[in-house]
Amino acid sequence: QQITEIAKALSQGADLICMDEPTAALADAEVELLYRLIGRLRERNVAVLYVSHRLKEIFDLCDRITVLKDGRLVDSVDTADITPDDLVAKMVGRRIEAQFPERLPGTVQGEVRLKVTGGGNDYIDGIDLDVRAGEIVGLAGLQGSGRTEIAEAVFGIAPFTRGTVEVDGAPIRITRPRRAIGAGIALVTEDRKAQGLALWQSVRSNARMVLDANARVHSRRRLARVSELLTRLALVARGEDQEVRFLSGGNQQKVVVAKWLAAEPGIIVLDEPTRGIDVGAKHKLYSVIRELAAEGLAVLLIASELIEVIGLADRIVVLHDGRIAGELPGGATEQQVMAYATGRGPE
């Protein structure tokens, strides 16, 4: 769909083309195609206004960079005259010393909270996966490799039809999301607008949604924590009565995360949690992910940007064609991950 929209825009013969996060839903091969198309537009003297939170794309494609913050112009500079670190500082209003926060002191990996043995359905097969309390396990792979399908199977959207699942050592058959929620599993989906939010409802209604819809996790104590969670996530909004459709992408994502944390899960699955959000919001979510692990949650992290998986995960499970192709320690190189992701095997 994204490629079709881009093709429609290109076919109009315009002198100026605006691209707003054009690579958000594209696979790596499609991103390369877009790069080539933009190169051809430049050769034809077509002006391109390119909006993106992905710094690599900005530095790869753009001649000049304009930084906006809170609706105001911060600066406009030639790309050759600024470093990525200086650009981030202008975007967030402060210098971020490290892209990914360190593992918090006292974080201890405990017992296995989620265990899948021989899991499979029409899309994935032979999945053997475990995630311990206090551990961040990253799922890596090319688009269509089965990452999201594992998340949906664990959460009961497209359940496993083969194999077994255990939560905190107890066998469980997860056939629908309500069953997963009752077992203490949360899923932050990859498309917050289509699957994570009721856009015309308020921040408060969205943040309470899981609690209000599920008697097993509903309690006055948990309802009282909703405001506390929104504060912890540094939500920027006019108030809890504001409709979420008026929030930035980063603040919408914070509401989605708060919605699930309010239910106090033991296992949280994060599918593309930083897609389409700004650098400052990304860094905040990175810190929250570290905090969740330190609090004893089992975290299953899916991200298309390999640097996020490498920078945050304690272990990296790599998928290829619906199967686990290999496992690597956190901090592995992109080349090592891609060797498994493309089916070549270890390097």
Protein backbone atom coordinates (compact mmCIF):
# COMPACT_ATOMS: atom_id res chain seq x y z
CA GLN A 1 0.00 0.00 0.00
CA GLN A 2 2.83 2.39 0.86
CA ILE A 3 4.61 1.72 -2.43
CA THR A 4 1.33 2.31 -4.31
CA GLU A 5 0.85 5.69 -2.64
CA ILE A 6 4.41 6.69 -3.50
CA ALA A 7 3.93 5.58 -7.11
CA LYS A 8 0.72 7.63 -7.37
CA ALA A 9 2.53 10.73 -6.13
CA LEU A 10 5.40 10.20 -8.55
CA SER A 11 3.05 9.78 -11.52
CA GLN A 12 1.57 13.26 -11.13
CA GLY A 13 4.61 15.01 -12.61
CA ALA A 14 4.81 17.47 -9.73
CA ASP A 15 7.63 19.97 -9.19
CA LEU A 16 7.51 19.33 -5.42
CA ILE A 17 6.79 16.02 -3.70
CA CYS A 18 6.26 15.78 0.06
CA MET A 19 7.03 12.42 1.68
CA ASP A 20 5.88 11.97 5.29
CA GLU A 21 7.55 8.93 6.93
CA PRO A 22 7.54 7.08 3.57
CA THR A 23 9.56 4.10 4.82
CA ALA A 24 7.53 3.38 7.97
CA ALA A 25 5.95 0.23 6.51
CA LEU A 26 8.56 -0.70 3.90
CA ALA A 27 10.87 -3.70 3.82
CA ASP A 28 14.61 -3.14 3.30
CA ALA A 29 14.42 -3.91 -0.43
CA GLU A 30 11.57 -1.42 -0.83
CA VAL A 31 13.54 1.24 1.03
CA GLU A 32 16.39 0.77 -1.44
CA LEU A 33 13.89 1.19 -4.29
CA LEU A 34 12.64 4.42 -2.73
CA TYR A 35 16.21 5.72 -2.46
CA ARG A 36 16.70 5.10 -6.18
CA LEU A 37 13.41 6.81 -7.04
CA ILE A 38 14.39 9.89 -5.03
CA GLY A 39 17.73 9.93 -6.85
CA ARG A 40 15.88 10.01 -10.18
CA LEU A 41 13.64 12.83 -8.98
CA ARG A 42 16.70 14.90 -8.12
CA GLU A 43 18.09 14.28 -11.60
CA ARG A 44 14.79 15.65 -13.00
CA ASN A 45 15.10 18.75 -10.74
CA VAL A 46 12.06 17.77 -8.67
CA ALA A 47 12.15 19.18 -5.12
CA VAL A 48 11.54 16.64 -2.34
CA LEU A 49 10.36 17.54 1.17
CA TYR A 50 11.25 14.45 3.21
CA VAL A 51 9.83 14.03 6.72
CA SER A 52 11.34 11.25 8.82
CA HIS A 53 12.41 10.35 12.35
CA ARG A 54 15.03 7.96 10.99
CA LEU A 55 18.33 9.80 11.12
CA LYS A 56 20.10 7.47 8.70
CA GLU A 57 17.58 8.31 5.98
CA ILE A 58 17.94 12.03 6.63
CA PHE A 59 21.72 11.90 6.29
CA ASP A 60 21.57 9.53 3.31
CA LEU A 61 19.08 11.54 1.28
CA CYS A 62 18.86 15.16 2.30
CA ASP A 63 20.92 18.20 1.29
CA ARG A 64 19.49 20.43 4.01
CA ILE A 65 17.81 19.65 7.33
CA THR A 66 15.14 21.74 9.05
CA VAL A 67 14.43 20.95 12.70
CA LEU A 68 11.03 21.65 14.25
CA LYS A 69 10.12 21.30 17.92
CA ASP A 70 6.76 22.04 19.51
CA GLY A 71 5.55 23.66 16.30
CA ARG A 72 8.47 26.08 16.08
CA LEU A 73 11.52 26.31 13.84
CA VAL A 74 14.67 25.36 15.75
CA ASP A 75 17.25 25.51 12.96
CA SER A 76 17.91 24.88 9.28
CA VAL A 77 21.38 23.61 8.35
CA ASP A 78 23.26 21.97 5.51
CA THR A 79 23.53 18.23 6.12
CA ALA A 80 27.30 18.36 5.68
CA ASP A 81 27.58 20.87 8.55
CA ILE A 82 25.96 18.84 11.34
CA THR A 83 26.60 15.53 13.08
CA PRO A 84 23.88 13.04 14.08
CA ASP A 85 24.50 13.77 17.79
CA ASP A 86 24.14 17.52 17.27
CA LEU A 87 20.97 16.97 15.24
CA VAL A 88 19.44 14.86 18.01
CA ALA A 89 20.30 17.56 20.55
CA LYS A 90 18.43 20.13 18.46
CA MET A 91 15.44 17.80 18.05
CA VAL A 92 14.98 16.99 21.74
CA GLY A 93 16.35 20.18 23.27
CA ARG A 94 19.19 18.42 25.10
CA ARG A 95 22.16 16.22 24.35
CA ILE A 96 21.52 12.49 24.74
CA GLU A 97 24.77 10.93 25.90
CA ALA A 98 23.97 7.35 24.91
CA GLN A 99 21.51 6.10 22.32
CA PHE A 100 20.53 3.10 24.43
CA PRO A 101 20.43 3.15 28.24
CA GLU A 102 22.58 0.63 30.05
CA ARG A 103 21.06 -2.36 31.81
CA LEU A 104 19.88 -1.07 35.18
CA PRO A 105 21.83 -2.13 38.29
CA GLY A 106 20.09 -4.91 40.15
CA THR A 107 18.37 -6.33 37.07
CA VAL A 108 18.30 -10.08 37.65
CA GLN A 109 17.09 -12.76 35.27
CA GLY A 110 14.72 -15.06 37.12
CA GLU A 111 12.62 -18.06 36.24
CA VAL A 112 11.23 -18.65 32.77
CA ARG A 113 7.96 -16.71 32.45
CA LEU A 114 7.10 -17.59 28.84
CA LYS A 115 8.04 -20.88 27.21
CA VAL A 116 6.97 -22.03 23.74
CA THR A 117 7.90 -25.54 22.61
CA GLY A 118 7.36 -26.67 19.02
CA GLY A 119 4.95 -23.81 18.39
CA GLY A 120 3.40 -23.56 14.96
CA ASN A 121 0.40 -22.55 12.86
CA ASP A 122 -0.18 -21.74 9.18
CA TYR A 123 2.54 -19.06 9.24
CA ILE A 124 5.29 -20.26 11.60
CA ASP A 125 6.64 -23.66 12.60
CA GLY A 126 8.95 -25.32 15.10
CA ILE A 127 9.17 -22.31 17.41
CA ASP A 128 11.14 -23.04 20.59
CA LEU A 129 11.32 -19.85 22.61
CA ASP A 130 11.68 -18.90 26.26
CA VAL A 131 11.83 -15.53 28.00
CA ARG A 132 12.86 -15.16 31.64
CA ALA A 133 11.76 -12.63 34.21
CA GLY A 134 14.03 -9.60 33.91
CA GLU A 135 15.14 -10.55 30.40
CA ILE A 136 14.72 -8.71 27.09
CA VAL A 137 14.62 -11.13 24.15
CA GLY A 138 14.72 -9.55 20.71
CA LEU A 139 13.07 -11.07 17.63
CA ALA A 140 14.89 -10.13 14.43
CA GLY A 141 14.33 -11.04 10.80
CA LEU A 142 13.31 -9.68 7.45
CA GLN A 143 9.75 -8.56 6.76
CA GLY A 144 7.55 -11.66 6.51
CA SER A 145 9.98 -13.82 8.49
CA GLY A 146 7.43 -14.56 11.22
CA ARG A 147 8.23 -12.01 13.93
CA THR A 148 4.77 -10.48 14.20
CA GLU A 149 3.19 -13.92 13.71
CA ILE A 150 4.92 -15.12 16.89
CA ALA A 151 3.60 -12.10 18.78
CA GLU A 152 0.07 -12.73 17.51
CA ALA A 153 0.28 -16.43 18.37
CA VAL A 154 1.49 -15.76 21.91
CA PHE A 155 -1.35 -13.26 22.38
CA GLY A 156 -4.04 -15.48 20.86
CA ILE A 157 -4.82 -13.38 17.77
CA ALA A 158 -3.67 -16.15 15.43
CA PRO A 159 -3.06 -18.90 18.02
CA PHE A 160 -0.56 -21.70 17.91
CA THR A 161 -2.24 -24.83 16.56
CA ARG A 162 0.80 -26.99 17.27
CA GLY A 163 3.16 -27.19 20.21
CA THR A 164 2.78 -26.08 23.82
CA VAL A 165 2.89 -22.81 25.75
CA GLU A 166 3.73 -22.35 29.43
CA VAL A 167 3.34 -19.19 31.49
CA ASP A 168 5.23 -19.17 34.79
CA GLY A 169 5.68 -22.93 34.52
CA ALA A 170 2.00 -23.75 34.01
CA PRO A 171 0.73 -25.11 30.66
CA ILE A 172 -1.85 -22.87 29.01
CA ARG A 173 -3.77 -22.92 25.76
CA ILE A 174 -4.11 -19.37 24.48
CA THR A 175 -6.89 -19.31 21.91
CA ARG A 176 -7.94 -15.66 22.15
CA PRO A 177 -6.53 -12.37 23.49
CA ARG A 178 -8.77 -12.35 26.57
CA ARG A 179 -7.13 -15.62 27.67
CA ALA A 180 -3.68 -14.08 27.19
CA ILE A 181 -4.60 -10.98 29.18
CA GLY A 182 -5.90 -13.13 32.00
CA ALA A 183 -2.58 -14.99 32.01
CA GLY A 184 -0.65 -11.74 32.40
CA ILE A 185 0.44 -11.21 28.79
CA ALA A 186 0.36 -7.78 27.11
CA LEU A 187 0.87 -6.92 23.43
CA VAL A 188 1.81 -3.50 22.08
CA THR A 189 0.93 -3.98 18.40
CA GLU A 190 2.91 -2.60 15.45
CA ASP A 191 0.03 -0.37 14.26
CA ARG A 192 -1.16 1.74 17.17
CA LYS A 193 -3.82 3.62 15.18
CA ALA A 194 -5.49 0.52 13.74
CA GLN A 195 -5.03 -1.89 16.66
CA GLY A 196 -3.89 -0.02 19.75
CA LEU A 197 -6.09 3.03 20.21
CA ALA A 198 -9.63 4.34 20.00
CA LEU A 199 -8.60 7.58 18.32
CA TRP A 200 -11.77 9.55 19.03
CA GLN A 201 -11.73 8.68 22.73
CA SER A 202 -9.82 10.41 25.48
CA VAL A 203 -6.39 9.65 26.87
CA ARG A 204 -8.05 8.42 30.07
CA SER A 205 -10.48 6.10 28.26
CA ASN A 206 -7.70 4.57 26.20
CA ALA A 207 -5.37 4.13 29.15
CA ARG A 208 -8.14 2.36 31.11
CA MET A 209 -9.34 0.27 28.17
CA VAL A 210 -7.77 -3.06 29.13
CA LEU A 211 -8.89 -2.73 32.75
CA ASP A 212 -12.46 -1.73 31.87
CA ALA A 213 -12.86 -4.58 29.36
CA ASN A 214 -11.42 -7.43 31.43
CA ALA A 215 -12.80 -8.39 34.80
CA ARG A 216 -9.73 -10.53 35.58
CA VAL A 217 -7.43 -7.51 35.65
CA HIS A 218 -9.90 -4.80 36.72
CA SER A 219 -9.39 -3.30 40.18
CA ARG A 220 -9.69 0.09 41.85
CA ARG A 221 -6.00 0.01 42.72
CA ARG A 222 -5.02 -0.51 39.10
CA LEU A 223 -7.41 2.19 37.89
CA ALA A 224 -5.82 4.59 40.35
CA ARG A 225 -2.38 3.85 38.82
CA VAL A 226 -3.34 5.03 35.33
CA SER A 227 -2.49 8.69 35.97
CA GLU A 228 0.73 7.66 37.69
CA LEU A 229 1.75 5.60 34.65
CA LEU A 230 1.04 8.46 32.24
CA THR A 231 3.24 10.71 34.36
CA ARG A 232 5.98 8.07 34.48
CA LEU A 233 5.94 7.85 30.69
CA ALA A 234 6.22 11.67 30.45
CA LEU A 235 3.03 12.03 28.42
CA VAL A 236 2.64 15.46 26.84
CA ALA A 237 -1.07 16.29 26.51
CA ARG A 238 -3.50 19.03 27.50
CA GLY A 239 -4.95 16.61 30.00
CA GLU A 240 -6.41 13.13 30.31
CA ASP A 241 -9.63 14.31 28.65
CA GLN A 242 -7.87 15.16 25.36
CA GLU A 243 -8.71 12.86 22.44
CA VAL A 244 -5.70 10.75 21.50
CA ARG A 245 -6.04 11.59 17.79
CA PHE A 246 -4.67 15.04 18.61
CA LEU A 247 -1.49 13.70 20.24
CA SER A 248 1.85 13.23 18.51
CA GLY A 249 2.85 9.72 17.45
CA GLY A 250 5.20 9.41 20.40
CA ASN A 251 2.55 10.43 22.92
CA GLN A 252 -0.01 8.11 21.34
CA GLN A 253 2.45 5.26 21.82
CA LYS A 254 2.93 6.22 25.46
CA VAL A 255 -0.84 5.90 25.97
CA VAL A 256 -0.76 2.41 24.41
CA VAL A 257 2.08 1.35 26.71
CA ALA A 258 0.30 2.81 29.75
CA LYS A 259 -2.87 0.91 28.81
CA TRP A 260 -1.02 -2.38 29.07
CA LEU A 261 1.14 -1.55 32.08
CA ALA A 262 -2.02 -0.67 34.01
CA ALA A 263 -2.96 -4.37 33.87
CA GLU A 264 0.36 -5.25 35.59
CA PRO A 265 1.42 -7.98 33.15
CA GLY A 266 4.24 -10.41 33.79
CA ILE A 267 5.04 -10.69 30.08
CA ILE A 268 5.00 -7.83 27.59
CA VAL A 269 5.39 -8.23 23.84
CA LEU A 270 6.48 -5.05 22.05
CA ASP A 271 5.98 -5.15 18.28
CA GLU A 272 7.72 -2.18 16.61
CA PRO A 273 7.25 0.02 19.71
CA THR A 274 9.17 3.00 18.27
CA ARG A 275 7.72 3.05 14.75
CA GLY A 276 6.93 6.58 13.59
CA ILE A 277 7.91 8.40 16.78
CA ASP A 278 10.51 11.10 17.35
CA VAL A 279 13.98 10.66 18.79
CA GLY A 280 13.11 11.99 22.24
CA ALA A 281 10.11 9.68 22.58
CA LYS A 282 12.21 6.75 21.37
CA HIS A 283 14.82 7.36 24.04
CA LYS A 284 12.11 7.55 26.71
CA LEU A 285 10.66 4.22 25.57
CA TYR A 286 14.12 2.64 25.56
CA SER A 287 14.47 3.67 29.21
CA VAL A 288 11.02 2.32 30.05
CA ILE A 289 11.87 -1.05 28.44
CA ARG A 290 14.99 -1.27 30.62
CA GLU A 291 12.91 -0.37 33.69
CA LEU A 292 10.31 -3.04 32.92
CA ALA A 293 13.02 -5.70 32.77
CA ALA A 294 14.49 -4.43 36.04
CA GLU A 295 11.03 -4.79 37.62
CA GLY A 296 10.95 -8.47 36.64
CA LEU A 297 8.85 -8.44 33.49
CA ALA A 298 9.71 -10.77 30.64
CA VAL A 299 10.08 -8.58 27.55
CA LEU A 300 9.78 -9.85 23.97
CA LEU A 301 10.94 -7.07 21.63
CA ILE A 302 10.34 -6.93 17.86
CA ALA A 303 11.96 -4.17 15.81
CA SER A 304 12.78 -3.72 12.15
CA GLU A 305 15.63 -1.39 13.02
CA LEU A 306 18.34 -3.90 13.93
CA ILE A 307 20.20 -1.36 16.00
CA GLU A 308 17.30 -1.33 18.49
CA VAL A 309 17.31 -5.11 18.93
CA ILE A 310 21.11 -5.18 19.21
CA GLY A 311 21.17 -2.24 21.63
CA LEU A 312 18.44 -3.42 24.01
CA ALA A 313 18.13 -7.22 23.91
CA ASP A 314 19.94 -9.65 26.20
CA ARG A 315 19.44 -12.35 23.56
CA ILE A 316 18.49 -12.11 19.89
CA VAL A 317 16.38 -14.81 18.22
CA VAL A 318 16.57 -14.53 14.43
CA LEU A 319 13.80 -15.78 12.14
CA HIS A 320 13.83 -16.84 8.50
CA ASP A 321 10.81 -18.13 6.55
CA GLY A 322 8.70 -18.70 9.66
CA ARG A 323 11.34 -20.66 11.57
CA ILE A 324 14.03 -19.80 14.08
CA ALA A 325 17.28 -19.63 12.11
CA GLY A 326 19.62 -18.91 15.00
CA GLU A 327 20.24 -17.19 18.31
CA LEU A 328 22.82 -14.54 19.19
CA PRO A 329 23.83 -12.67 22.35
CA GLY A 330 22.83 -9.04 22.79
CA GLY A 331 25.36 -6.74 21.21
CA ALA A 332 25.89 -8.99 18.18
CA THR A 333 26.75 -7.25 14.93
CA GLU A 334 24.25 -6.42 12.20
CA GLN A 335 26.21 -8.70 9.88
CA GLN A 336 25.77 -11.65 12.26
CA VAL A 337 22.03 -11.03 12.54
CA MET A 338 21.58 -10.62 8.79
CA ALA A 339 23.49 -13.83 8.08
CA TYR A 340 20.80 -15.79 9.93
CA ALA A 341 17.94 -13.57 8.68
CA THR A 342 18.83 -14.26 5.05
CA GLY A 343 19.24 -18.00 5.60
CA ARG A 344 23.02 -18.06 5.16
CA GLY A 345 23.78 -19.29 8.67
CA PRO A 346 26.38 -18.10 11.20
CA GLU A 347 29.27 -15.85 10.23
